[in-house]
Amino acid sequence: MFKNEICTRNNVQVLGSGEQTIMLAHGFGCDQRMWRFLSKNLVNDYKLVLFDYVGSGKSDLSQFDKARYSTLDGYAGDIIEICESLALYEVIFIGHSVSSMIGVLASLEKPKLFKQLIMVCPSPCFLNDPPDYMGGFEPEDLEELIKLMDKNYIGWANYLAPLVMGTQNDANLIDELTESFCTTDPSTAKTFAKATFFSDYRQQLQKVRHPTLILQSAEDSLASVDIGKYMHKSIPSSDLEIFQAKGHCLHMTHPDLITPHILNYVR
């Protein structure tokens, strides 16, 4: 696949002209627009690469391959191909939620492409595995969530968006996330949802060799503080910052709070 085809496939946008490149990878049900609050704080000093995973945002839906995107490796492949098509190396990768683990997979596959990993509200596994690990959900809970997508997709979106964004946060942001869920093709959303919520990549954390910054919300319905601490303990060269904030989308609800920590880390 040629460079321009990859960029079209993933709706790649390059902003700024700094010497160092930051790639921003959105979470499940989202798209690159969700980074606008954070990117405005970074674009003057860095080259920013934004994109949409195939099946999300303004990506080329005709390129969606259910087999490829049934695991997070397929999405990691998108990241690798974008980096290679743009001749990017030693990229600072910022991933939200599931993209944190997608970034881990990409960095393990092609370590030279990356310099640092920054994770916004990450989780390596959303499933409970007692007694040593509580991901937040029982298998039957997630199965019901997937069934709701089939039965009532709009109802699913209206249920999940406030849970993800945090009910205490700006109602406009909750509405935006709801709309993002609703405008994503249900079949691709279901495939991404299964790859996100039923995966378990805990064993990959100890293999990470890039410096890693974990940004954790104090109250997050999808990824608790304990999960942030688990990841910090598991990733050899990592730092953990816990913010007095609510919700799973710090880059949208508290961009000015996390920006200084990001800049301090990358500098």
C-alpha atoms as a PDB file:
ATOM      1  CA  MET A   1       0.000   0.000   0.000  1.00  0.00           C
ATOM      2  CA  PHE A   2       1.447   3.351  -1.054  1.00  0.00           C
ATOM      3  CA  LYS A   3       2.044   6.238   1.335  1.00  0.00           C
ATOM      4  CA  ASN A   4      -0.879   8.323   0.137  1.00  0.00           C
ATOM      5  CA  GLU A   5      -3.221   5.305   0.327  1.00  0.00           C
ATOM      6  CA  ILE A   6      -2.318   4.705   3.969  1.00  0.00           C
ATOM      7  CA  CYS A   7      -2.820   8.364   4.837  1.00  0.00           C
ATOM      8  CA  THR A   8      -6.193   8.354   3.079  1.00  0.00           C
ATOM      9  CA  ARG A   9      -7.197   5.070   4.698  1.00  0.00           C
ATOM     10  CA  ASN A  10      -6.542   6.421   8.178  1.00  0.00           C
ATOM     11  CA  ASN A  11      -7.423  10.074   7.482  1.00  0.00           C
ATOM     12  CA  VAL A  12      -3.937  11.126   8.606  1.00  0.00           C
ATOM     13  CA  GLN A  13      -3.450  14.803   9.453  1.00  0.00           C
ATOM     14  CA  VAL A  14      -0.077  16.398  10.209  1.00  0.00           C
ATOM     15  CA  LEU A  15      -0.019  19.649  12.177  1.00  0.00           C
ATOM     16  CA  GLY A  16       2.874  21.856  13.277  1.00  0.00           C
ATOM     17  CA  SER A  17       6.480  21.684  12.218  1.00  0.00           C
ATOM     18  CA  GLY A  18       8.531  20.904  15.296  1.00  0.00           C
ATOM     19  CA  GLU A  19      11.600  18.689  15.057  1.00  0.00           C
ATOM     20  CA  GLN A  20      10.087  16.111  17.425  1.00  0.00           C
ATOM     21  CA  THR A  21       6.976  14.174  16.382  1.00  0.00           C
ATOM     22  CA  ILE A  22       4.064  13.354  18.668  1.00  0.00           C
ATOM     23  CA  MET A  23       1.468  10.842  17.488  1.00  0.00           C
ATOM     24  CA  LEU A  24      -1.982  11.067  19.077  1.00  0.00           C
ATOM     25  CA  ALA A  25      -4.040   7.849  19.041  1.00  0.00           C
ATOM     26  CA  HIS A  26      -7.735   8.001  19.960  1.00  0.00           C
ATOM     27  CA  GLY A  27      -9.689   5.480  22.000  1.00  0.00           C
ATOM     28  CA  PHE A  28     -12.603   3.186  21.223  1.00  0.00           C
ATOM     29  CA  GLY A  29     -15.626   4.898  19.683  1.00  0.00           C
ATOM     30  CA  CYS A  30     -13.702   8.140  19.256  1.00  0.00           C
ATOM     31  CA  ASP A  31     -11.756   9.869  16.496  1.00  0.00           C
ATOM     32  CA  GLN A  32      -8.904  12.346  16.155  1.00  0.00           C
ATOM     33  CA  ARG A  33     -11.172  15.343  16.888  1.00  0.00           C
ATOM     34  CA  MET A  34     -11.125  14.380  20.565  1.00  0.00           C
ATOM     35  CA  TRP A  35      -7.481  15.534  20.730  1.00  0.00           C
ATOM     36  CA  ARG A  36      -8.224  19.176  19.812  1.00  0.00           C
ATOM     37  CA  PHE A  37      -8.135  20.396  23.420  1.00  0.00           C
ATOM     38  CA  LEU A  38      -4.691  18.903  24.009  1.00  0.00           C
ATOM     39  CA  SER A  39      -3.207  19.422  20.548  1.00  0.00           C
ATOM     40  CA  LYS A  40      -3.585  23.198  20.749  1.00  0.00           C
ATOM     41  CA  ASN A  41      -1.163  23.106  23.694  1.00  0.00           C
ATOM     42  CA  LEU A  42       1.418  21.073  21.737  1.00  0.00           C
ATOM     43  CA  VAL A  43       1.219  22.197  18.115  1.00  0.00           C
ATOM     44  CA  ASN A  44       3.492  25.242  18.449  1.00  0.00           C
ATOM     45  CA  ASP A  45       6.490  23.159  19.546  1.00  0.00           C
ATOM     46  CA  TYR A  46       5.943  19.731  17.992  1.00  0.00           C
ATOM     47  CA  LYS A  47       4.896  18.063  14.780  1.00  0.00           C
ATOM     48  CA  LEU A  48       1.611  16.317  15.531  1.00  0.00           C
ATOM     49  CA  VAL A  49       0.348  13.275  13.663  1.00  0.00           C
ATOM     50  CA  LEU A  50      -3.357  12.555  14.093  1.00  0.00           C
ATOM     51  CA  PHE A  51      -5.366   9.766  12.475  1.00  0.00           C
ATOM     52  CA  ASP A  52      -8.505   7.661  12.675  1.00  0.00           C
ATOM     53  CA  TYR A  53      -8.378   3.887  13.032  1.00  0.00           C
ATOM     54  CA  VAL A  54     -10.069   2.102  10.153  1.00  0.00           C
ATOM     55  CA  GLY A  55     -13.763   2.038  11.023  1.00  0.00           C
ATOM     56  CA  SER A  56     -13.593   5.257  13.059  1.00  0.00           C
ATOM     57  CA  GLY A  57     -14.035   8.929  12.194  1.00  0.00           C
ATOM     58  CA  LYS A  58     -13.340   9.789   8.569  1.00  0.00           C
ATOM     59  CA  SER A  59     -11.236   6.700   7.837  1.00  0.00           C
ATOM     60  CA  ASP A  60     -11.903   4.688   4.682  1.00  0.00           C
ATOM     61  CA  LEU A  61     -14.565   2.249   5.845  1.00  0.00           C
ATOM     62  CA  SER A  62     -14.104   0.150   2.706  1.00  0.00           C
ATOM     63  CA  GLN A  63     -10.687  -0.865   4.089  1.00  0.00           C
ATOM     64  CA  PHE A  64     -12.177  -2.426   7.210  1.00  0.00           C
ATOM     65  CA  ASP A  65     -11.186  -6.082   7.499  1.00  0.00           C
ATOM     66  CA  LYS A  66     -13.025  -7.833  10.317  1.00  0.00           C
ATOM     67  CA  ALA A  67     -10.361 -10.521  10.652  1.00  0.00           C
ATOM     68  CA  ARG A  68      -7.550  -7.954  10.900  1.00  0.00           C
ATOM     69  CA  TYR A  69      -9.342  -5.716  13.367  1.00  0.00           C
ATOM     70  CA  SER A  70     -10.727  -8.455  15.611  1.00  0.00           C
ATOM     71  CA  THR A  71      -7.605  -8.083  17.776  1.00  0.00           C
ATOM     72  CA  LEU A  72      -5.615  -5.043  18.840  1.00  0.00           C
ATOM     73  CA  ASP A  73      -2.715  -6.217  16.666  1.00  0.00           C
ATOM     74  CA  GLY A  74      -4.635  -5.017  13.617  1.00  0.00           C
ATOM     75  CA  TYR A  75      -4.882  -1.500  15.012  1.00  0.00           C
ATOM     76  CA  ALA A  76      -1.192  -1.618  15.995  1.00  0.00           C
ATOM     77  CA  GLY A  77      -0.540  -2.446  12.354  1.00  0.00           C
ATOM     78  CA  ASP A  78      -2.260   0.805  11.368  1.00  0.00           C
ATOM     79  CA  ILE A  79       0.107   2.765  13.608  1.00  0.00           C
ATOM     80  CA  ILE A  80       3.203   1.038  12.257  1.00  0.00           C
ATOM     81  CA  GLU A  81       2.138   1.567   8.651  1.00  0.00           C
ATOM     82  CA  ILE A  82       1.404   5.259   9.255  1.00  0.00           C
ATOM     83  CA  CYS A  83       4.809   5.782  10.858  1.00  0.00           C
ATOM     84  CA  GLU A  84       6.607   3.967   8.070  1.00  0.00           C
ATOM     85  CA  SER A  85       4.669   5.733   5.320  1.00  0.00           C
ATOM     86  CA  LEU A  86       5.656   9.116   6.795  1.00  0.00           C
ATOM     87  CA  ALA A  87       9.235   7.971   7.526  1.00  0.00           C
ATOM     88  CA  LEU A  88       8.794   8.663  11.238  1.00  0.00           C
ATOM     89  CA  TYR A  89      11.235   7.427  13.880  1.00  0.00           C
ATOM     90  CA  GLU A  90      11.558   7.956  17.635  1.00  0.00           C
ATOM     91  CA  VAL A  91       7.971   9.134  17.870  1.00  0.00           C
ATOM     92  CA  ILE A  92       6.441  10.214  21.168  1.00  0.00           C
ATOM     93  CA  PHE A  93       3.247   8.173  21.226  1.00  0.00           C
ATOM     94  CA  ILE A  94       0.243   9.405  23.233  1.00  0.00           C
ATOM     95  CA  GLY A  95      -2.599   6.898  23.421  1.00  0.00           C
ATOM     96  CA  HIS A  96      -5.982   7.207  25.083  1.00  0.00           C
ATOM     97  CA  SER A  97      -7.503   4.200  26.830  1.00  0.00           C
ATOM     98  CA  VAL A  98      -7.184   1.090  24.623  1.00  0.00           C
ATOM     99  CA  SER A  99      -4.744   2.939  22.359  1.00  0.00           C
ATOM    100  CA  SER A 100      -2.235   2.804  25.194  1.00  0.00           C
ATOM    101  CA  MET A 101      -2.053  -0.948  24.755  1.00  0.00           C
ATOM    102  CA  ILE A 102      -2.200  -0.669  20.972  1.00  0.00           C
ATOM    103  CA  GLY A 103       0.859   1.586  21.265  1.00  0.00           C
ATOM    104  CA  VAL A 104       2.578  -1.015  23.440  1.00  0.00           C
ATOM    105  CA  LEU A 105       2.001  -3.694  20.800  1.00  0.00           C
ATOM    106  CA  ALA A 106       3.323  -1.410  18.045  1.00  0.00           C
ATOM    107  CA  SER A 107       6.387  -0.490  20.108  1.00  0.00           C
ATOM    108  CA  LEU A 108       7.193  -4.139  20.764  1.00  0.00           C
ATOM    109  CA  GLU A 109       6.843  -4.940  17.066  1.00  0.00           C
ATOM    110  CA  LYS A 110       8.874  -1.952  15.797  1.00  0.00           C
ATOM    111  CA  PRO A 111      10.789  -0.417  18.733  1.00  0.00           C
ATOM    112  CA  LYS A 112      12.864   1.965  16.587  1.00  0.00           C
ATOM    113  CA  LEU A 113       9.742   3.840  15.563  1.00  0.00           C
ATOM    114  CA  PHE A 114       9.149   5.069  19.114  1.00  0.00           C
ATOM    115  CA  LYS A 115      10.927   7.143  21.729  1.00  0.00           C
ATOM    116  CA  GLN A 116       8.420   7.396  24.597  1.00  0.00           C
ATOM    117  CA  LEU A 117       4.931   6.166  25.420  1.00  0.00           C
ATOM    118  CA  ILE A 118       2.349   8.322  27.183  1.00  0.00           C
ATOM    119  CA  MET A 119      -0.832   6.613  28.334  1.00  0.00           C
ATOM    120  CA  VAL A 120      -4.053   8.484  29.142  1.00  0.00           C
ATOM    121  CA  CYS A 121      -6.330   6.399  31.402  1.00  0.00           C
ATOM    122  CA  PRO A 122      -4.990   3.026  30.191  1.00  0.00           C
ATOM    123  CA  SER A 123      -5.984  -0.538  31.010  1.00  0.00           C
ATOM    124  CA  PRO A 124      -4.305  -3.781  29.909  1.00  0.00           C
ATOM    125  CA  CYS A 125      -7.407  -5.823  30.716  1.00  0.00           C
ATOM    126  CA  PHE A 126     -10.978  -4.775  31.561  1.00  0.00           C
ATOM    127  CA  LEU A 127     -11.916  -8.207  32.923  1.00  0.00           C
ATOM    128  CA  ASN A 128     -11.738  -9.173  36.593  1.00  0.00           C
ATOM    129  CA  ASP A 129      -9.229 -11.919  37.371  1.00  0.00           C
ATOM    130  CA  PRO A 130      -9.484 -12.383  41.143  1.00  0.00           C
ATOM    131  CA  PRO A 131      -7.825 -12.346  43.517  1.00  0.00           C
ATOM    132  CA  ASP A 132      -4.820 -10.514  42.061  1.00  0.00           C
ATOM    133  CA  TYR A 133      -6.369  -8.339  39.360  1.00  0.00           C
ATOM    134  CA  MET A 134      -9.670  -6.485  39.153  1.00  0.00           C
ATOM    135  CA  GLY A 135     -10.161  -4.977  35.711  1.00  0.00           C
ATOM    136  CA  GLY A 136     -13.573  -3.604  36.636  1.00  0.00           C
ATOM    137  CA  PHE A 137     -15.958  -5.920  34.789  1.00  0.00           C
ATOM    138  CA  GLU A 138     -17.218  -9.479  34.926  1.00  0.00           C
ATOM    139  CA  PRO A 139     -17.395 -11.343  31.585  1.00  0.00           C
ATOM    140  CA  GLU A 140     -21.192 -11.446  31.732  1.00  0.00           C
ATOM    141  CA  ASP A 141     -21.321  -7.656  32.200  1.00  0.00           C
ATOM    142  CA  LEU A 142     -19.351  -7.112  29.017  1.00  0.00           C
ATOM    143  CA  GLU A 143     -21.369  -9.743  27.158  1.00  0.00           C
ATOM    144  CA  GLU A 144     -24.524  -7.803  28.055  1.00  0.00           C
ATOM    145  CA  LEU A 145     -22.893  -4.609  26.791  1.00  0.00           C
ATOM    146  CA  ILE A 146     -22.166  -6.271  23.447  1.00  0.00           C
ATOM    147  CA  LYS A 147     -25.728  -7.657  23.265  1.00  0.00           C
ATOM    148  CA  LEU A 148     -27.081  -4.159  23.896  1.00  0.00           C
ATOM    149  CA  MET A 149     -25.142  -2.961  20.846  1.00  0.00           C
ATOM    150  CA  ASP A 150     -27.128  -5.466  18.771  1.00  0.00           C
ATOM    151  CA  LYS A 151     -30.511  -4.808  20.355  1.00  0.00           C
ATOM    152  CA  ASN A 152     -30.425  -1.039  20.833  1.00  0.00           C
ATOM    153  CA  TYR A 153     -27.338   0.688  19.461  1.00  0.00           C
ATOM    154  CA  ILE A 154     -28.535   4.197  20.345  1.00  0.00           C
ATOM    155  CA  GLY A 155     -29.416   3.034  23.850  1.00  0.00           C
ATOM    156  CA  TRP A 156     -25.950   1.490  24.158  1.00  0.00           C
ATOM    157  CA  ALA A 157     -24.338   4.794  23.141  1.00  0.00           C
ATOM    158  CA  ASN A 158     -26.464   6.777  25.591  1.00  0.00           C
ATOM    159  CA  TYR A 159     -25.515   4.395  28.394  1.00  0.00           C
ATOM    160  CA  LEU A 160     -21.790   4.149  27.714  1.00  0.00           C
ATOM    161  CA  ALA A 161     -20.889   7.769  26.877  1.00  0.00           C
ATOM    162  CA  PRO A 162     -21.683   9.253  30.346  1.00  0.00           C
ATOM    163  CA  LEU A 163     -19.853   6.327  31.970  1.00  0.00           C
ATOM    164  CA  VAL A 164     -16.750   7.004  29.876  1.00  0.00           C
ATOM    165  CA  MET A 165     -16.722  10.802  30.004  1.00  0.00           C
ATOM    166  CA  GLY A 166     -17.828  11.010  33.636  1.00  0.00           C
ATOM    167  CA  THR A 167     -21.281  12.257  34.588  1.00  0.00           C
ATOM    168  CA  GLN A 168     -19.822  15.195  36.543  1.00  0.00           C
ATOM    169  CA  ASN A 169     -18.111  16.626  33.473  1.00  0.00           C
ATOM    170  CA  ASP A 170     -19.360  19.004  30.775  1.00  0.00           C
ATOM    171  CA  ALA A 171     -22.650  17.776  29.320  1.00  0.00           C
ATOM    172  CA  ASN A 172     -21.527  18.996  25.890  1.00  0.00           C
ATOM    173  CA  LEU A 173     -18.578  16.585  25.999  1.00  0.00           C
ATOM    174  CA  ILE A 174     -20.877  13.723  26.966  1.00  0.00           C
ATOM    175  CA  ASP A 175     -23.151  14.621  24.049  1.00  0.00           C
ATOM    176  CA  GLU A 176     -20.149  14.751  21.711  1.00  0.00           C
ATOM    177  CA  LEU A 177     -18.999  11.293  22.754  1.00  0.00           C
ATOM    178  CA  THR A 178     -22.548   9.946  22.430  1.00  0.00           C
ATOM    179  CA  GLU A 179     -22.710  11.337  18.899  1.00  0.00           C
ATOM    180  CA  SER A 180     -19.320   9.832  18.093  1.00  0.00           C
ATOM    181  CA  PHE A 181     -20.544   6.420  19.236  1.00  0.00           C
ATOM    182  CA  CYS A 182     -23.784   6.795  17.284  1.00  0.00           C
ATOM    183  CA  THR A 183     -22.105   7.826  14.034  1.00  0.00           C
ATOM    184  CA  THR A 184     -19.649   4.908  14.097  1.00  0.00           C
ATOM    185  CA  ASP A 185     -20.779   1.996  11.936  1.00  0.00           C
ATOM    186  CA  PRO A 186     -22.296  -0.565  14.361  1.00  0.00           C
ATOM    187  CA  SER A 187     -20.515  -3.564  12.824  1.00  0.00           C
ATOM    188  CA  THR A 188     -17.054  -1.981  13.046  1.00  0.00           C
ATOM    189  CA  ALA A 189     -17.822  -0.614  16.518  1.00  0.00           C
ATOM    190  CA  LYS A 190     -18.783  -4.087  17.727  1.00  0.00           C
ATOM    191  CA  THR A 191     -15.565  -5.583  16.352  1.00  0.00           C
ATOM    192  CA  PHE A 192     -13.470  -2.867  18.043  1.00  0.00           C
ATOM    193  CA  ALA A 193     -15.478  -3.231  21.274  1.00  0.00           C
ATOM    194  CA  LYS A 194     -14.780  -6.965  21.472  1.00  0.00           C
ATOM    195  CA  ALA A 195     -11.088  -6.423  20.735  1.00  0.00           C
ATOM    196  CA  THR A 196     -10.989  -3.742  23.440  1.00  0.00           C
ATOM    197  CA  PHE A 197     -13.002  -5.186  26.289  1.00  0.00           C
ATOM    198  CA  PHE A 198     -12.214  -8.897  26.010  1.00  0.00           C
ATOM    199  CA  SER A 199      -8.460  -8.657  25.459  1.00  0.00           C
ATOM    200  CA  ASP A 200      -5.812  -9.298  28.092  1.00  0.00           C
ATOM    201  CA  TYR A 201      -2.363  -7.859  27.451  1.00  0.00           C
ATOM    202  CA  ARG A 202      -1.042  -7.841  31.010  1.00  0.00           C
ATOM    203  CA  GLN A 203       1.828 -10.134  30.040  1.00  0.00           C
ATOM    204  CA  GLN A 204       3.069  -7.578  27.515  1.00  0.00           C
ATOM    205  CA  LEU A 205       3.634  -4.842  30.103  1.00  0.00           C
ATOM    206  CA  GLN A 206       6.869  -6.275  31.476  1.00  0.00           C
ATOM    207  CA  LYS A 207       8.296  -6.363  27.934  1.00  0.00           C
ATOM    208  CA  VAL A 208       7.964  -2.590  27.423  1.00  0.00           C
ATOM    209  CA  ARG A 209      11.386  -0.980  27.089  1.00  0.00           C
ATOM    210  CA  HIS A 210      10.421   2.595  26.224  1.00  0.00           C
ATOM    211  CA  PRO A 211      10.089   5.226  28.957  1.00  0.00           C
ATOM    212  CA  THR A 212       6.403   5.393  29.794  1.00  0.00           C
ATOM    213  CA  LEU A 213       4.215   8.016  31.478  1.00  0.00           C
ATOM    214  CA  ILE A 214       0.838   6.922  32.839  1.00  0.00           C
ATOM    215  CA  LEU A 215      -1.777   9.642  33.373  1.00  0.00           C
ATOM    216  CA  GLN A 216      -4.491   8.375  35.690  1.00  0.00           C
ATOM    217  CA  SER A 217      -7.813   9.898  36.740  1.00  0.00           C
ATOM    218  CA  ALA A 218      -8.608   9.540  40.443  1.00  0.00           C
ATOM    219  CA  GLU A 219     -12.191   8.523  39.640  1.00  0.00           C
ATOM    220  CA  ASP A 220     -12.518   6.487  36.456  1.00  0.00           C
ATOM    221  CA  SER A 221     -15.384   4.038  35.924  1.00  0.00           C
ATOM    222  CA  LEU A 222     -13.437   2.124  33.275  1.00  0.00           C
ATOM    223  CA  ALA A 223      -9.884   2.124  34.638  1.00  0.00           C
ATOM    224  CA  SER A 224      -9.423   2.492  38.377  1.00  0.00           C
ATOM    225  CA  VAL A 225      -6.427   3.906  40.205  1.00  0.00           C
ATOM    226  CA  ASP A 226      -5.488   0.343  41.135  1.00  0.00           C
ATOM    227  CA  ILE A 227      -5.137  -0.463  37.436  1.00  0.00           C
ATOM    228  CA  GLY A 228      -2.889   2.553  36.972  1.00  0.00           C
ATOM    229  CA  LYS A 229      -0.742   1.381  39.873  1.00  0.00           C
ATOM    230  CA  TYR A 230      -0.677  -2.149  38.446  1.00  0.00           C
ATOM    231  CA  MET A 231       0.597  -0.858  35.123  1.00  0.00           C
ATOM    232  CA  HIS A 232       3.191   1.342  36.797  1.00  0.00           C
ATOM    233  CA  LYS A 233       4.460  -1.643  38.772  1.00  0.00           C
ATOM    234  CA  SER A 234       4.503  -3.875  35.683  1.00  0.00           C
ATOM    235  CA  ILE A 235       6.183  -1.526  33.169  1.00  0.00           C
ATOM    236  CA  PRO A 236       9.920  -1.380  33.987  1.00  0.00           C
ATOM    237  CA  SER A 237      10.645   2.282  33.176  1.00  0.00           C
ATOM    238  CA  SER A 238       7.410   4.071  33.990  1.00  0.00           C
ATOM    239  CA  ASP A 239       6.067   7.055  35.882  1.00  0.00           C
ATOM    240  CA  LEU A 240       2.535   7.413  37.233  1.00  0.00           C
ATOM    241  CA  GLU A 241       0.669  10.693  37.700  1.00  0.00           C
ATOM    242  CA  ILE A 242      -2.727  10.563  39.425  1.00  0.00           C
ATOM    243  CA  PHE A 243      -4.985  13.590  38.947  1.00  0.00           C
ATOM    244  CA  GLN A 244      -7.905  14.688  41.095  1.00  0.00           C
ATOM    245  CA  ALA A 245     -10.318  14.350  38.223  1.00  0.00           C
ATOM    246  CA  LYS A 246     -13.341  12.291  37.236  1.00  0.00           C
ATOM    247  CA  GLY A 247     -13.839  10.347  34.036  1.00  0.00           C
ATOM    248  CA  HIS A 248     -11.904   8.343  31.471  1.00  0.00           C
ATOM    249  CA  CYS A 249     -11.009  11.212  29.100  1.00  0.00           C
ATOM    250  CA  LEU A 250      -8.466  13.471  30.792  1.00  0.00           C
ATOM    251  CA  HIS A 251      -7.352  14.849  27.413  1.00  0.00           C
ATOM    252  CA  MET A 252     -10.850  16.272  26.898  1.00  0.00           C
ATOM    253  CA  THR A 253     -11.994  17.160  30.404  1.00  0.00           C
ATOM    254  CA  HIS A 254      -8.686  18.341  31.886  1.00  0.00           C
ATOM    255  CA  PRO A 255      -6.268  19.146  29.016  1.00  0.00           C
ATOM    256  CA  ASP A 256      -4.682  22.100  30.798  1.00  0.00           C
ATOM    257  CA  LEU A 257      -4.106  19.977  33.897  1.00  0.00           C
ATOM    258  CA  ILE A 258      -2.212  17.211  32.121  1.00  0.00           C
ATOM    259  CA  THR A 259      -0.350  19.350  29.539  1.00  0.00           C
ATOM    260  CA  PRO A 260       2.431  20.544  31.910  1.00  0.00           C
ATOM    261  CA  HIS A 261       3.122  16.950  32.950  1.00  0.00           C
ATOM    262  CA  ILE A 262       3.317  15.826  29.327  1.00  0.00           C
ATOM    263  CA  LEU A 263       5.619  18.678  28.350  1.00  0.00           C
ATOM    264  CA  ASN A 264       7.832  18.156  31.375  1.00  0.00           C
ATOM    265  CA  TYR A 265       8.125  14.470  30.510  1.00  0.00           C
ATOM    266  CA  VAL A 266       8.914  14.828  26.818  1.00  0.00           C
ATOM    267  CA  ARG A 267      11.431  17.632  27.396  1.00  0.00           C
END
